[in-house]
């Protein structure tokens, strides 16, 4: 009686890797960092997540206890935390941020209720500000000021009048003004300024750029009473780097969010046609300056922002900041948009799906079309699009932040995505608008071995915990995949191990599909034997282990139903072959055990209980 079909398994041949690199996922470091820069990224990420306490210098007033508490989608990205801004508007065009009494930022936390801040009665304007993303900010910092200025001096249309917010970096207050590009009011030009400002204002952690703590509502006596750590609280480590330097390294080296597919979507053409790209400028090239790290220098990036201040009419925050008026907001970058919730500068658009946040009542498109906003013409033009065209634009926006190969959009590259990839391989050609385009990394219209080999460089499952992802194990590592699903068979269903192995090293496994399903295929894996030794395979209807030598058990019940011979171990002492199941035979259970002979000694493997056949 024979239940094994030992046909030749077609192996997967890995084609040479193309000169095509996958885009880093959100939260990953930018490609091309040196070993030192990558170490600084990793070290800075630890500090970015550090939870501060009073002994380290937290407070006395603060908004959060770590950087990552706000920037958490992913770490370094956007977040749902809001802070409160306040001030006084005299109704005649003058805004007072009420700095003397704690404005314009309210610190909502305190190390003791005695020093807690409140919105002062003098304030007649308050507004929330939601945490912006800082992904890709090192690349944004590397854009030349002159390039940003071009969109002010040569606006794309007559209705767009964005302007640069010229600011002084904290690290160079007497130097030339820089074009602001970060923060809701474009009030920050450099990552180091952002680190120093946020450290002091959000954590209450004074540093060399802002070497004092905030007094609660301006009350210096309260500050003196409760500030127990000498200012500045930040200081150098053993390598001469302050906290603000280390978190700056992490933020500078954060990769730009991916865009998948990279180009060609109908929705982007529609996005451009209604005027959205007048402010949300897609592409920039960073400076080719030897002073900038190679990984950030002369790089083409697609942030979808002009980094200018624009009048947003009735939906502004009405909080002035430096040269930015209460009516103005910086054009937010759209890269990474698909995961942002809430949206808008004050977080008012929250929940639901990206589609509902964009198209629903009170959604982003309605806010762009309000009275007085420079975006009103494009907002109205968008609303005139057909429903299908509007959804095409949303599909394009959903590509901003999507990882390549991520078919279900959960930002994890796993077996679900691998199964969808295999289905996509059977079809095509595909356009950038097709769901399968997420797999077509070289955008040649098909999903093929080139894309598969690239997928193997970023696949994330490691079911056998060998330090290599499972797809690479199959494609390049020689791991069995008899059922041809690109998952190592040892990571799938394995027939029950009855044990009873003798003193030798011979090990038997049968793993892959459940062998009672139609078309089932698994791998017969015999390892740890002597090189080129002959093999016998005993098969019985039940287990009845008994010692046949002082150390070796024969497990299948005698008399054996089958004793299969004719197989030989390879030069590495292994035998791998496919096993077919799920045929027309009734389901039955058998006990398998292998034995080898090296010319002088026998070695029995462990025994397996193997369930085969079909219902």
Protein backbone atom coordinates (compact mmCIF):
# COMPACT_ATOMS: atom_id res chain seq x y z
CA UNK A 1 0.00 0.00 0.00
CA UNK A 2 1.50 3.34 -1.04
CA UNK A 3 0.41 6.78 0.19
CA UNK A 4 3.38 8.91 -0.81
CA UNK A 5 3.78 10.60 -4.19
CA UNK A 6 7.45 11.48 -4.46
CA UNK A 7 7.25 13.68 -7.54
CA UNK A 8 9.88 16.31 -8.13
CA UNK A 9 9.01 19.61 -6.45
CA UNK A 10 9.45 22.58 -8.76
CA UNK A 11 11.81 24.89 -6.94
CA UNK A 12 11.55 28.70 -6.90
CA UNK A 13 14.51 30.23 -8.67
CA UNK A 14 15.36 33.67 -7.36
CA UNK A 15 15.99 36.10 -10.19
CA UNK A 16 18.81 38.61 -9.72
CA UNK A 17 17.71 41.56 -7.65
CA UNK A 18 16.87 44.59 -9.72
CA UNK A 19 18.25 48.01 -8.86
CA UNK A 20 14.95 48.84 -7.21
CA UNK A 21 14.65 49.52 -3.51
CA UNK A 22 11.38 49.52 -1.61
CA UNK A 23 10.37 52.73 0.10
CA UNK A 24 10.89 52.79 3.87
CA UNK A 25 7.74 52.33 5.91
CA UNK A 26 6.46 55.17 8.07
CA UNK A 27 8.64 55.49 11.17
CA UNK A 28 11.66 53.85 9.54
CA UNK A 29 14.99 55.61 8.96
CA UNK A 30 15.73 57.23 5.62
CA UNK A 31 17.66 55.02 3.22
CA UNK A 32 21.39 55.54 2.79
CA UNK A 33 22.40 56.46 6.33
CA UNK A 34 25.94 55.68 7.40
CA UNK A 35 26.48 53.27 10.28
CA UNK A 36 27.07 56.23 12.63
CA UNK A 37 23.95 58.03 11.43
CA UNK A 38 21.84 54.91 11.81
CA UNK A 39 23.16 54.45 15.34
CA UNK A 40 22.25 58.07 16.11
CA UNK A 41 18.77 57.44 14.71
CA UNK A 42 18.34 54.42 16.99
CA UNK A 43 19.76 56.20 20.03
CA UNK A 44 17.60 59.25 19.39
CA UNK A 45 14.49 57.10 19.10
CA UNK A 46 15.13 55.80 22.61
CA UNK A 47 15.35 59.37 23.92
CA UNK A 48 12.29 60.38 21.91
CA UNK A 49 10.32 57.75 23.84
CA UNK A 50 11.90 58.57 27.21
CA UNK A 51 9.30 59.27 29.90
CA UNK A 52 10.47 62.26 31.92
CA UNK A 53 9.99 62.68 35.65
CA UNK A 54 10.48 65.60 38.02
CA UNK A 55 14.00 64.53 38.97
CA UNK A 56 15.03 64.73 35.30
CA UNK A 57 13.59 68.23 34.98
CA UNK A 58 9.97 67.65 33.90
CA UNK A 59 7.82 70.75 34.37
CA UNK A 60 6.88 72.38 36.64
CA UNK A 61 4.28 72.84 33.86
CA UNK A 62 4.12 70.70 30.72
CA UNK A 63 1.84 69.15 28.14
CA UNK A 64 3.31 65.65 27.89
CA UNK A 65 5.90 63.49 29.61
CA UNK A 66 7.61 62.22 26.44
CA UNK A 67 7.96 63.25 22.81
CA UNK A 68 6.47 59.95 21.65
CA UNK A 69 3.30 60.48 23.68
CA UNK A 70 2.22 63.08 21.13
CA UNK A 71 4.00 61.89 17.98
CA UNK A 72 2.76 58.31 18.08
CA UNK A 73 1.26 57.33 14.73
CA UNK A 74 3.85 55.83 14.32
CA UNK A 75 6.55 57.07 16.71
CA UNK A 76 7.65 60.30 15.06
CA UNK A 77 4.42 60.64 13.12
CA UNK A 78 1.24 62.52 13.78
CA UNK A 79 -1.02 62.02 16.77
CA UNK A 80 -4.42 62.73 18.23
CA UNK A 81 -3.20 64.89 21.11
CA UNK A 82 -4.25 68.53 21.05
CA UNK A 83 -2.82 71.51 22.87
CA UNK A 84 -4.56 74.79 23.59
CA UNK A 85 -3.52 78.19 22.30
CA UNK A 86 -5.02 81.42 23.59
CA UNK A 87 -4.68 85.17 23.25
CA UNK A 88 -6.50 88.49 22.99
CA UNK A 89 -7.83 89.94 19.73
CA UNK A 90 -8.73 93.62 19.99
CA UNK A 91 -10.99 93.41 16.92
CA UNK A 92 -8.89 96.02 15.12
CA UNK A 93 -6.28 93.73 13.62
CA UNK A 94 -4.00 93.37 16.63
CA UNK A 95 -3.46 90.08 18.41
CA UNK A 96 -1.82 89.85 21.84
CA UNK A 97 -0.49 86.36 22.68
CA UNK A 98 -0.56 87.30 26.39
CA UNK A 99 3.01 86.10 26.89
CA UNK A 100 3.27 87.84 30.26
CA UNK A 101 0.52 85.62 31.69
CA UNK A 102 1.51 82.33 30.12
CA UNK A 103 0.42 82.64 26.47
CA UNK A 104 -0.02 81.72 23.85
CA UNK A 105 0.47 78.04 24.76
CA UNK A 106 -1.41 76.56 27.69
CA UNK A 107 0.55 73.90 29.56
CA UNK A 108 -2.21 71.53 30.67
CA UNK A 109 -0.07 69.39 32.99
CA UNK A 110 1.75 70.25 36.19
CA UNK A 111 3.90 68.45 38.73
CA UNK A 112 1.49 69.68 41.44
CA UNK A 113 -1.98 71.26 41.30
CA UNK A 114 -0.54 74.32 43.00
CA UNK A 115 1.25 75.28 39.79
CA UNK A 116 -1.42 74.31 37.28
CA UNK A 117 -2.13 76.80 34.50
CA UNK A 118 -5.54 78.12 33.46
CA UNK A 119 -6.73 80.07 30.47
CA UNK A 120 -6.62 83.67 31.76
CA UNK A 121 -9.78 85.73 31.76
CA UNK A 122 -8.08 88.27 29.49
CA UNK A 123 -8.09 85.72 26.64
CA UNK A 124 -10.96 86.09 24.19
CA UNK A 125 -9.59 83.65 21.61
CA UNK A 126 -8.76 79.99 22.20
CA UNK A 127 -7.95 77.25 19.75
CA UNK A 128 -6.82 73.64 19.71
CA UNK A 129 -3.81 72.48 17.75
CA UNK A 130 -3.42 68.80 16.88
CA UNK A 131 -0.03 67.07 16.79
CA UNK A 132 1.47 67.34 13.29
CA UNK A 133 3.57 64.63 11.72
CA UNK A 134 7.34 65.04 11.73
CA UNK A 135 8.05 62.19 9.31
CA UNK A 136 10.52 63.30 6.66
CA UNK A 137 11.30 66.61 8.38
CA UNK A 138 15.03 66.25 7.82
CA UNK A 139 14.36 66.14 4.10
CA UNK A 140 12.00 69.11 4.39
CA UNK A 141 14.65 71.07 6.28
CA UNK A 142 17.05 70.35 3.41
CA UNK A 143 14.86 72.22 0.87
CA UNK A 144 16.47 75.49 -0.17
CA UNK A 145 14.78 78.64 1.15
CA UNK A 146 14.95 80.12 -2.34
CA UNK A 147 12.92 77.22 -3.76
CA UNK A 148 10.17 77.79 -1.20
CA UNK A 149 10.17 81.51 -1.99
CA UNK A 150 9.49 80.83 -5.69
CA UNK A 151 5.91 79.81 -4.96
CA UNK A 152 5.35 83.14 -3.21
CA UNK A 153 6.91 85.34 -5.89
CA UNK A 154 5.48 83.31 -8.79
CA UNK A 155 2.17 81.94 -7.53
CA UNK A 156 0.55 79.22 -9.64
CA UNK A 157 -2.76 81.09 -9.99
CA UNK A 158 -4.20 84.52 -9.24
CA UNK A 159 -6.31 83.20 -6.35
CA UNK A 160 -3.36 81.69 -4.48
CA UNK A 161 -1.25 84.13 -2.48
CA UNK A 162 0.78 82.03 -0.12
CA UNK A 163 3.76 83.63 1.53
CA UNK A 164 6.91 82.58 3.31
CA UNK A 165 7.04 82.93 7.09
CA UNK A 166 10.58 84.18 7.66
CA UNK A 167 11.84 83.13 11.08
CA UNK A 168 15.02 83.05 13.15
CA UNK A 169 16.28 79.58 14.14
CA UNK A 170 16.84 79.31 17.88
CA UNK A 171 20.36 78.01 17.23
CA UNK A 172 21.25 81.06 15.13
CA UNK A 173 19.15 83.99 16.41
CA UNK A 174 21.40 86.69 14.93
CA UNK A 175 21.91 84.95 11.60
CA UNK A 176 19.88 85.31 8.43
CA UNK A 177 16.16 84.62 8.54
CA UNK A 178 15.08 81.24 7.25
CA UNK A 179 11.95 80.14 5.46
CA UNK A 180 9.71 78.49 8.04
CA UNK A 181 8.34 75.11 6.97
CA UNK A 182 7.30 73.24 10.11
CA UNK A 183 4.49 73.81 12.57
CA UNK A 184 0.93 74.90 11.82
CA UNK A 185 2.09 78.49 11.35
CA UNK A 186 5.36 77.64 9.54
CA UNK A 187 7.01 79.12 12.61
CA UNK A 188 9.95 76.69 12.59
CA UNK A 189 12.67 76.31 9.98
CA UNK A 190 15.00 73.65 11.45
CA UNK A 191 14.63 70.37 13.27
CA UNK A 192 16.97 71.49 16.05
CA UNK A 193 14.77 74.55 16.69
CA UNK A 194 11.76 72.26 16.85
CA UNK A 195 13.53 70.01 19.37
CA UNK A 196 14.59 72.88 21.61
CA UNK A 197 11.20 74.61 21.46
CA UNK A 198 9.16 71.45 22.07
CA UNK A 199 11.48 70.29 24.83
CA UNK A 200 10.93 73.49 26.78
CA UNK A 201 7.28 74.17 25.97
CA UNK A 202 5.84 70.65 25.91
CA UNK A 203 8.04 68.90 28.50
CA UNK A 204 9.18 71.83 30.63
CA UNK A 205 12.73 70.62 29.93
CA UNK A 206 14.96 73.65 29.52
CA UNK A 207 17.95 73.39 27.21
CA UNK A 208 20.76 75.41 25.72
CA UNK A 209 18.43 76.97 23.11
CA UNK A 210 15.69 77.86 25.60
CA UNK A 211 17.56 77.85 28.93
CA UNK A 212 14.65 78.57 31.29
CA UNK A 213 11.37 76.98 32.37
CA UNK A 214 7.98 78.55 31.78
CA UNK A 215 6.45 80.33 34.75
CA UNK A 216 2.88 79.14 35.40
CA UNK A 217 0.65 81.87 33.95
CA UNK A 218 3.71 84.11 34.21
CA UNK A 219 4.01 83.73 38.01
CA UNK A 220 7.76 83.75 38.58
CA UNK A 221 7.38 83.17 42.32
CA UNK A 222 5.55 79.89 41.69
CA UNK A 223 8.26 78.84 39.26
CA UNK A 224 10.98 79.62 41.77
CA UNK A 225 9.19 77.61 44.43
CA UNK A 226 8.62 74.50 42.34
CA UNK A 227 11.52 74.37 39.87
CA UNK A 228 13.92 72.12 41.77
CA UNK A 229 16.33 71.28 38.92
CA UNK A 230 18.83 73.90 37.83
CA UNK A 231 18.38 75.36 34.36
CA UNK A 232 19.18 74.42 31.72
CA UNK A 233 18.06 70.92 32.65
CA UNK A 234 19.37 69.38 29.45
CA UNK A 235 23.06 68.68 29.20
CA UNK A 236 25.69 66.68 27.33
CA UNK A 237 26.10 62.93 27.57
CA UNK A 238 29.41 61.09 27.36
CA UNK A 239 29.57 61.84 23.65
CA UNK A 240 28.94 65.55 24.12
CA UNK A 241 25.36 65.35 22.85
CA UNK A 242 22.40 66.94 24.62
CA UNK A 243 18.93 65.43 24.66
CA UNK A 244 17.82 67.92 22.02
CA UNK A 245 20.70 66.81 19.79
CA UNK A 246 19.82 63.15 20.12
CA UNK A 247 16.11 63.59 19.37
CA UNK A 248 17.08 65.89 16.50
CA UNK A 249 19.12 63.06 14.99
CA UNK A 250 16.12 60.74 15.23
CA UNK A 251 13.77 63.25 13.64
CA UNK A 252 16.20 64.38 10.92
CA UNK A 253 16.75 60.80 9.83
CA UNK A 254 13.08 59.77 9.76
CA UNK A 255 12.16 58.65 6.27
CA UNK A 256 9.48 60.33 4.23
CA UNK A 257 6.22 58.34 4.25
CA UNK A 258 5.93 55.99 1.28
CA UNK A 259 3.57 56.55 -1.64
CA UNK A 260 2.18 53.43 -3.28
CA UNK A 261 1.84 53.38 -6.21
CA UNK A 262 4.43 56.08 -6.73
CA UNK A 263 2.70 57.66 -9.73
CA UNK A 264 0.05 57.34 -12.38
CA UNK A 265 -3.16 57.33 -10.38
CA UNK A 266 -6.18 58.94 -12.01
CA UNK A 267 -7.04 60.53 -8.68
CA UNK A 268 -3.83 62.55 -8.66
CA UNK A 269 -4.58 63.93 -12.13
CA UNK A 270 -8.03 64.97 -10.87
CA UNK A 271 -6.44 66.40 -7.70
CA UNK A 272 -4.26 68.56 -9.91
CA UNK A 273 -7.08 69.53 -12.28
CA UNK A 274 -9.25 71.10 -9.58
CA UNK A 275 -6.36 73.17 -8.22
CA UNK A 276 -5.42 71.24 -5.08
CA UNK A 277 -1.81 71.07 -6.27
CA UNK A 278 -1.61 74.87 -6.37
CA UNK A 279 -0.87 74.71 -2.64
CA UNK A 280 -0.18 71.03 -2.15
CA UNK A 281 2.89 71.05 -4.39
CA UNK A 282 3.89 67.45 -4.98
CA UNK A 283 7.59 67.35 -5.68
CA UNK A 284 10.71 69.02 -4.32
CA UNK A 285 14.43 68.38 -4.56
CA UNK A 286 16.60 68.92 -1.52
CA UNK A 287 19.77 71.00 -1.74
CA UNK A 288 22.90 69.46 -3.21
CA UNK A 289 24.98 70.89 -0.39
CA UNK A 290 28.09 69.03 0.88
CA UNK A 291 27.22 70.18 4.39
CA UNK A 292 24.07 68.03 4.30
CA UNK A 293 24.24 64.29 4.94
CA UNK A 294 24.36 62.23 1.75
CA UNK A 295 21.12 60.48 2.68
CA UNK A 296 19.31 63.85 2.71
CA UNK A 297 21.18 65.64 -0.06
CA UNK A 298 19.87 66.14 -3.60
CA UNK A 299 16.87 63.89 -3.01
CA UNK A 300 13.53 64.16 -4.79
CA UNK A 301 10.69 64.05 -2.28
CA UNK A 302 6.90 64.26 -2.58
CA UNK A 303 5.46 66.00 0.50
CA UNK A 304 2.50 67.73 -1.26
CA UNK A 305 2.96 71.13 0.37
CA UNK A 306 4.29 74.54 -0.63
CA UNK A 307 5.23 75.26 3.04
CA UNK A 308 3.65 78.71 2.69
CA UNK A 309 1.11 80.52 4.83
CA UNK A 310 -2.36 80.82 3.31
CA UNK A 311 -5.54 82.58 4.38
CA UNK A 312 -8.01 79.83 5.28
CA UNK A 313 -10.90 82.16 6.03
CA UNK A 314 -13.52 81.19 8.56
CA UNK A 315 -11.84 77.91 9.48
CA UNK A 316 -8.56 79.35 10.79
CA UNK A 317 -7.53 79.24 14.44
CA UNK A 318 -7.40 83.06 14.77
CA UNK A 319 -4.17 82.77 16.76
CA UNK A 320 -1.34 84.91 15.37
CA UNK A 321 2.21 83.59 15.69
CA UNK A 322 5.12 85.83 14.79
CA UNK A 323 4.54 87.14 11.30
CA UNK A 324 1.71 84.65 10.70
CA UNK A 325 -1.70 86.19 11.15
CA UNK A 326 -4.66 84.59 12.85
CA UNK A 327 -6.18 83.88 9.45
CA UNK A 328 -3.17 82.02 8.09
CA UNK A 329 -2.18 78.36 8.27
CA UNK A 330 0.76 76.63 6.63
CA UNK A 331 -0.18 74.19 3.89
CA UNK A 332 0.12 70.84 5.65
CA UNK A 333 2.14 68.12 3.97
CA UNK A 334 -0.08 65.31 2.72
CA UNK A 335 2.43 62.47 2.75
CA UNK A 336 1.29 59.92 5.32
CA UNK A 337 -2.28 61.25 5.11
CA UNK A 338 -3.97 57.85 4.96
CA UNK A 339 -3.34 57.12 8.65
CA UNK A 340 -4.02 60.57 10.10
CA UNK A 341 -6.99 60.80 12.39
CA UNK A 342 -7.94 63.44 13.46
CA UNK A 343 -7.44 65.93 10.62
CA UNK A 344 -7.36 69.74 10.29
CA UNK A 345 -5.20 72.00 12.40
CA UNK A 346 -7.53 71.75 15.40
CA UNK A 347 -8.43 68.08 14.97
CA UNK A 348 -12.08 68.79 14.29
CA UNK A 349 -12.34 66.13 11.55
CA UNK A 350 -12.15 62.86 13.44
CA UNK A 351 -13.23 59.23 13.14
CA UNK A 352 -14.74 57.21 10.36
CA UNK A 353 -12.77 56.32 7.26
CA UNK A 354 -10.48 58.43 5.13
CA UNK A 355 -13.38 58.72 2.68
CA UNK A 356 -15.76 60.09 5.32
CA UNK A 357 -13.10 62.40 6.73
CA UNK A 358 -12.53 63.82 3.27
CA UNK A 359 -16.03 63.80 1.75
CA UNK A 360 -18.43 63.69 4.67
CA UNK A 361 -20.39 66.56 6.16
CA UNK A 362 -17.94 68.88 7.86
CA UNK A 363 -15.09 67.01 6.18
CA UNK A 364 -11.90 68.30 4.66
CA UNK A 365 -13.40 69.26 1.30
CA UNK A 366 -16.17 71.31 2.91
CA UNK A 367 -13.59 73.09 5.06
CA UNK A 368 -11.55 73.96 1.99
CA UNK A 369 -14.63 75.49 0.34
CA UNK A 370 -15.56 77.92 3.14
CA UNK A 371 -15.98 81.65 2.65
CA UNK A 372 -12.77 83.66 2.65
CA UNK A 373 -10.41 80.72 2.12
CA UNK A 374 -7.87 80.78 -0.70
CA UNK A 375 -8.78 77.13 -1.21
CA UNK A 376 -12.45 77.92 -1.85
CA UNK A 377 -12.26 77.72 -5.69
CA UNK A 378 -10.52 74.35 -5.63
CA UNK A 379 -12.88 73.08 -2.92
CA UNK A 380 -15.89 74.03 -5.02
CA UNK A 381 -14.30 72.53 -8.13
CA UNK A 382 -13.75 69.30 -6.25
CA UNK A 383 -17.40 69.26 -5.15
CA UNK A 384 -18.43 69.52 -8.81
CA UNK A 385 -16.62 66.29 -9.67
CA UNK A 386 -18.71 63.18 -10.17
CA UNK A 387 -18.97 60.83 -7.18
CA UNK A 388 -16.70 58.31 -8.93
CA UNK A 389 -14.06 60.97 -9.61
CA UNK A 390 -14.21 62.14 -6.00
CA UNK A 391 -13.61 58.57 -4.87
CA UNK A 392 -10.68 58.35 -7.30
CA UNK A 393 -9.10 61.35 -5.54
CA UNK A 394 -9.66 59.70 -2.16
CA UNK A 395 -7.99 56.54 -3.52
CA UNK A 396 -4.99 58.67 -4.49
CA UNK A 397 -4.88 60.25 -1.04
CA UNK A 398 -5.03 56.75 0.44
CA UNK A 399 -1.78 55.97 -1.40
CA UNK A 400 0.04 58.62 0.66
CA UNK A 401 1.62 56.64 3.46
CA UNK A 402 0.79 53.19 2.15
CA UNK A 403 3.63 50.69 2.35
CA UNK A 404 4.44 48.73 -0.78
CA UNK A 405 2.99 45.18 -0.78
CA UNK A 406 0.55 46.13 2.01
CA UNK A 407 -2.62 44.80 0.39
CA UNK A 408 -4.86 45.18 3.45
CA UNK A 409 -3.42 48.53 4.48
CA UNK A 410 -2.57 47.54 8.06
CA UNK A 411 1.12 48.53 7.70
CA UNK A 412 2.25 44.96 8.44
CA UNK A 413 3.65 42.82 5.62
CA UNK A 414 2.48 39.32 6.44
CA UNK A 415 0.85 36.17 5.06
CA UNK A 416 -2.34 38.02 4.19
CA UNK A 417 -0.37 40.26 1.86
CA UNK A 418 1.61 37.30 0.55
CA UNK A 419 -1.57 35.41 -0.34
CA UNK A 420 -2.93 38.49 -2.13
CA UNK A 421 0.38 38.82 -3.99
CA UNK A 422 0.08 35.25 -5.29
CA UNK A 423 -3.42 35.95 -6.56
CA UNK A 424 -2.17 39.10 -8.28
CA UNK A 425 0.55 37.10 -10.02
CA UNK A 426 -2.14 35.20 -11.92
CA UNK A 427 -3.68 38.34 -13.43
CA UNK A 428 -2.84 41.60 -15.09
CA UNK A 429 -1.91 43.79 -16.75
CA UNK A 430 -2.59 46.32 -14.00
CA UNK A 431 -2.83 50.09 -13.93
CA UNK A 432 -1.91 52.34 -11.02
CA UNK A 433 -5.62 52.50 -10.12
CA UNK A 434 -5.96 48.75 -9.61
CA UNK A 435 -5.67 47.36 -6.06
CA UNK A 436 -2.97 45.00 -7.31
CA UNK A 437 -0.75 47.99 -8.10
CA UNK A 438 0.41 47.84 -4.48
CA UNK A 439 2.51 44.83 -5.55
CA UNK A 440 3.77 46.20 -8.88
CA UNK A 441 6.78 47.98 -7.49
CA UNK A 442 8.51 48.55 -10.81
CA UNK A 443 5.15 49.72 -12.26
CA UNK A 444 5.55 47.67 -15.44
CA UNK A 445 1.93 46.49 -15.38
CA UNK A 446 2.44 43.00 -14.01
CA UNK A 447 3.18 41.32 -10.70
CA UNK A 448 6.12 39.02 -11.27
CA UNK A 449 9.31 37.55 -9.88
CA UNK A 450 11.04 40.93 -9.86
CA UNK A 451 8.37 42.28 -7.51
CA UNK A 452 8.50 39.06 -5.48
CA UNK A 453 12.23 39.33 -4.90
CA UNK A 454 11.81 42.92 -3.74
CA UNK A 455 8.95 41.82 -1.47
CA UNK A 456 11.36 39.37 0.16
CA UNK A 457 13.58 42.25 1.29
CA UNK A 458 10.80 43.81 3.41
CA UNK A 459 8.54 40.88 4.36
CA UNK A 460 8.06 40.83 8.13
CA UNK A 461 6.99 37.37 9.29
CA UNK A 462 9.63 35.12 10.83
CA UNK A 463 7.60 32.14 12.04
CA UNK A 464 10.64 29.95 12.66
CA UNK A 465 12.50 32.73 14.53
CA UNK A 466 15.71 32.16 12.63
CA UNK A 467 16.41 35.86 12.07
CA UNK A 468 15.48 35.72 8.37
CA UNK A 469 12.00 36.54 7.14
CA UNK A 470 9.98 33.58 5.91
CA UNK A 471 9.72 34.70 2.30
CA UNK A 472 13.50 34.97 2.06
CA UNK A 473 13.75 31.52 3.67
CA UNK A 474 11.72 30.08 0.79
CA UNK A 475 13.19 32.10 -2.08
CA UNK A 476 16.84 32.16 -1.07
CA UNK A 477 17.30 29.96 2.00
CA UNK A 478 16.34 26.54 0.68
CA UNK A 479 13.44 26.03 3.09
CA UNK A 480 10.78 23.55 1.99
CA UNK A 481 7.66 24.92 0.33
CA UNK A 482 6.06 21.86 -1.20
CA UNK A 483 2.60 23.45 -1.38
CA UNK A 484 4.10 26.43 -3.23
CA UNK A 485 2.44 29.12 -1.10
CA UNK A 486 5.74 30.90 -0.33
CA UNK A 487 5.46 30.07 3.39
CA UNK A 488 8.05 27.65 4.86
CA UNK A 489 6.27 24.35 5.39
CA UNK A 490 7.66 24.05 8.91
CA UNK A 491 5.63 27.14 9.80
CA UNK A 492 2.35 25.50 8.83
CA UNK A 493 0.51 22.39 9.99
CA UNK A 494 2.91 19.70 11.20
CA UNK A 495 1.80 16.12 11.74
CA UNK A 496 1.80 15.09 15.39
CA UNK A 497 5.21 14.14 16.78
CA UNK A 498 4.95 11.01 18.95
CA UNK A 499 8.55 11.30 20.09
CA UNK A 500 10.43 8.11 21.06
CA UNK A 501 13.50 9.13 19.06
CA UNK A 502 16.54 7.12 19.88
CA UNK A 503 19.97 8.29 20.91
CA UNK A 504 20.87 9.50 17.42
CA UNK A 505 20.10 12.75 15.63
CA UNK A 506 17.72 11.56 12.89
CA UNK A 507 14.63 13.78 12.88
CA UNK A 508 11.42 13.37 10.87
CA UNK A 509 8.81 16.06 10.16
CA UNK A 510 5.89 16.26 7.74
CA UNK A 511 4.66 19.85 7.53
CA UNK A 512 2.65 22.02 5.17
CA UNK A 513 -1.01 21.57 4.29
CA UNK A 514 -3.40 19.50 6.36
CA UNK A 515 -3.32 16.25 4.39
CA UNK A 516 -7.07 15.69 4.62
CA UNK A 517 -7.90 18.64 2.35
CA UNK A 518 -8.32 18.50 -1.41
CA UNK A 519 -5.08 19.13 -3.27
CA UNK A 520 -3.06 19.09 -0.05
CA UNK A 521 0.72 19.07 -0.29
CA UNK A 522 3.24 18.90 2.55
CA UNK A 523 6.97 18.38 2.90
CA UNK A 524 8.57 15.18 4.11
CA UNK A 525 11.66 16.42 5.95
CA UNK A 526 14.25 13.98 7.26
CA UNK A 527 17.36 15.59 8.73
CA UNK A 528 20.32 14.80 10.93
CA UNK A 529 21.26 11.51 9.28
CA UNK A 530 24.53 10.20 7.88
CA UNK A 531 25.48 11.45 4.44
CA UNK A 532 24.35 9.29 1.51
CA UNK A 533 22.93 6.62 3.82
CA UNK A 534 20.04 4.39 2.69
CA UNK A 535 16.65 4.96 4.32
CA UNK A 536 13.84 2.68 5.35
CA UNK A 537 10.42 4.12 6.18
CA UNK A 538 8.20 2.04 8.41
CA UNK A 539 4.44 2.65 8.35
CA UNK A 540 2.00 1.13 10.81
CA UNK A 541 -1.66 1.52 11.71
CA UNK A 542 -0.94 2.47 15.34
CA UNK A 543 1.85 3.22 17.78
CA UNK A 544 3.35 0.46 19.92
CA UNK A 545 6.80 1.69 20.97
CA UNK A 546 9.25 -0.89 22.25
CA UNK A 547 13.01 -0.99 22.59
CA UNK A 548 14.81 -2.89 19.86
CA UNK A 549 18.25 -1.78 21.07
CA UNK A 550 19.28 -0.37 24.46
CA UNK A 551 18.55 3.15 23.17
CA UNK A 552 16.30 2.82 20.11
CA UNK A 553 12.50 2.50 19.99
CA UNK A 554 10.55 1.04 17.11
CA UNK A 555 7.22 2.82 17.27
CA UNK A 556 4.83 1.61 14.50
CA UNK A 557 2.76 -1.39 15.49
CA UNK A 558 4.02 -4.62 13.98
CA UNK A 559 3.44 -6.19 11.62
CA UNK A 560 4.17 -3.07 9.55
CA UNK A 561 1.65 -2.15 6.89
CA UNK A 562 4.48 -0.93 4.64
CA UNK A 563 8.25 -0.81 4.64
CA UNK A 564 9.31 1.70 2.00
CA UNK A 565 12.87 1.57 0.69
CA UNK A 566 14.86 3.00 -2.17
CA UNK A 567 15.50 6.47 -0.70
CA UNK A 568 18.95 7.78 0.17
CA UNK A 569 20.06 10.72 2.32
CA UNK A 570 21.83 13.50 0.44
CA UNK A 571 25.38 14.66 1.09
CA UNK A 572 24.17 16.74 4.02
CA UNK A 573 22.36 13.84 5.65
CA UNK A 574 18.92 15.08 4.64
CA UNK A 575 15.96 14.01 2.53
CA UNK A 576 13.24 16.42 1.40
CA UNK A 577 10.29 15.48 -0.81
CA UNK A 578 6.64 16.40 -1.28
CA UNK A 579 3.77 14.42 0.22
CA UNK A 580 0.34 14.52 -1.40
CA UNK A 581 -2.87 14.20 0.57
CA UNK A 582 -6.58 14.80 0.25
CA UNK A 583 -7.18 12.11 -2.38
CA UNK A 584 -10.08 9.71 -2.83
CA UNK A 585 -9.06 7.38 -0.01
CA UNK A 586 -10.99 7.60 3.25
CA UNK A 587 -9.36 9.57 6.03
CA UNK A 588 -7.04 7.38 8.07
CA UNK A 589 -4.25 7.69 10.62
CA UNK A 590 -0.85 6.10 10.24
CA UNK A 591 2.38 6.03 12.21
CA UNK A 592 5.58 6.83 10.29
CA UNK A 593 9.16 6.28 11.40
CA UNK A 594 12.43 6.39 9.49
CA UNK A 595 15.62 4.41 9.98
CA UNK A 596 19.09 4.90 8.48
CA UNK A 597 22.16 2.71 8.39
CA UNK A 598 25.67 4.13 7.98
CA UNK A 599 27.35 0.75 7.46
CA UNK A 600 27.80 -0.04 11.11
CA UNK A 601 25.02 1.60 13.14
CA UNK A 602 21.26 2.02 12.87
CA UNK A 603 19.52 5.27 13.81
CA UNK A 604 15.75 5.51 14.27
CA UNK A 605 13.98 8.82 13.98
CA UNK A 606 11.14 10.08 16.06
CA UNK A 607 7.71 8.80 15.04
CA UNK A 608 4.87 10.81 13.52
CA UNK A 609 1.14 10.25 13.62
CA UNK A 610 0.08 11.14 10.09
CA UNK A 611 -3.54 11.78 9.16
CA UNK A 612 -4.14 11.43 5.41
CA UNK A 613 -6.95 10.91 2.92
CA UNK A 614 -10.17 12.84 2.54
CA UNK A 615 -13.55 13.02 4.27
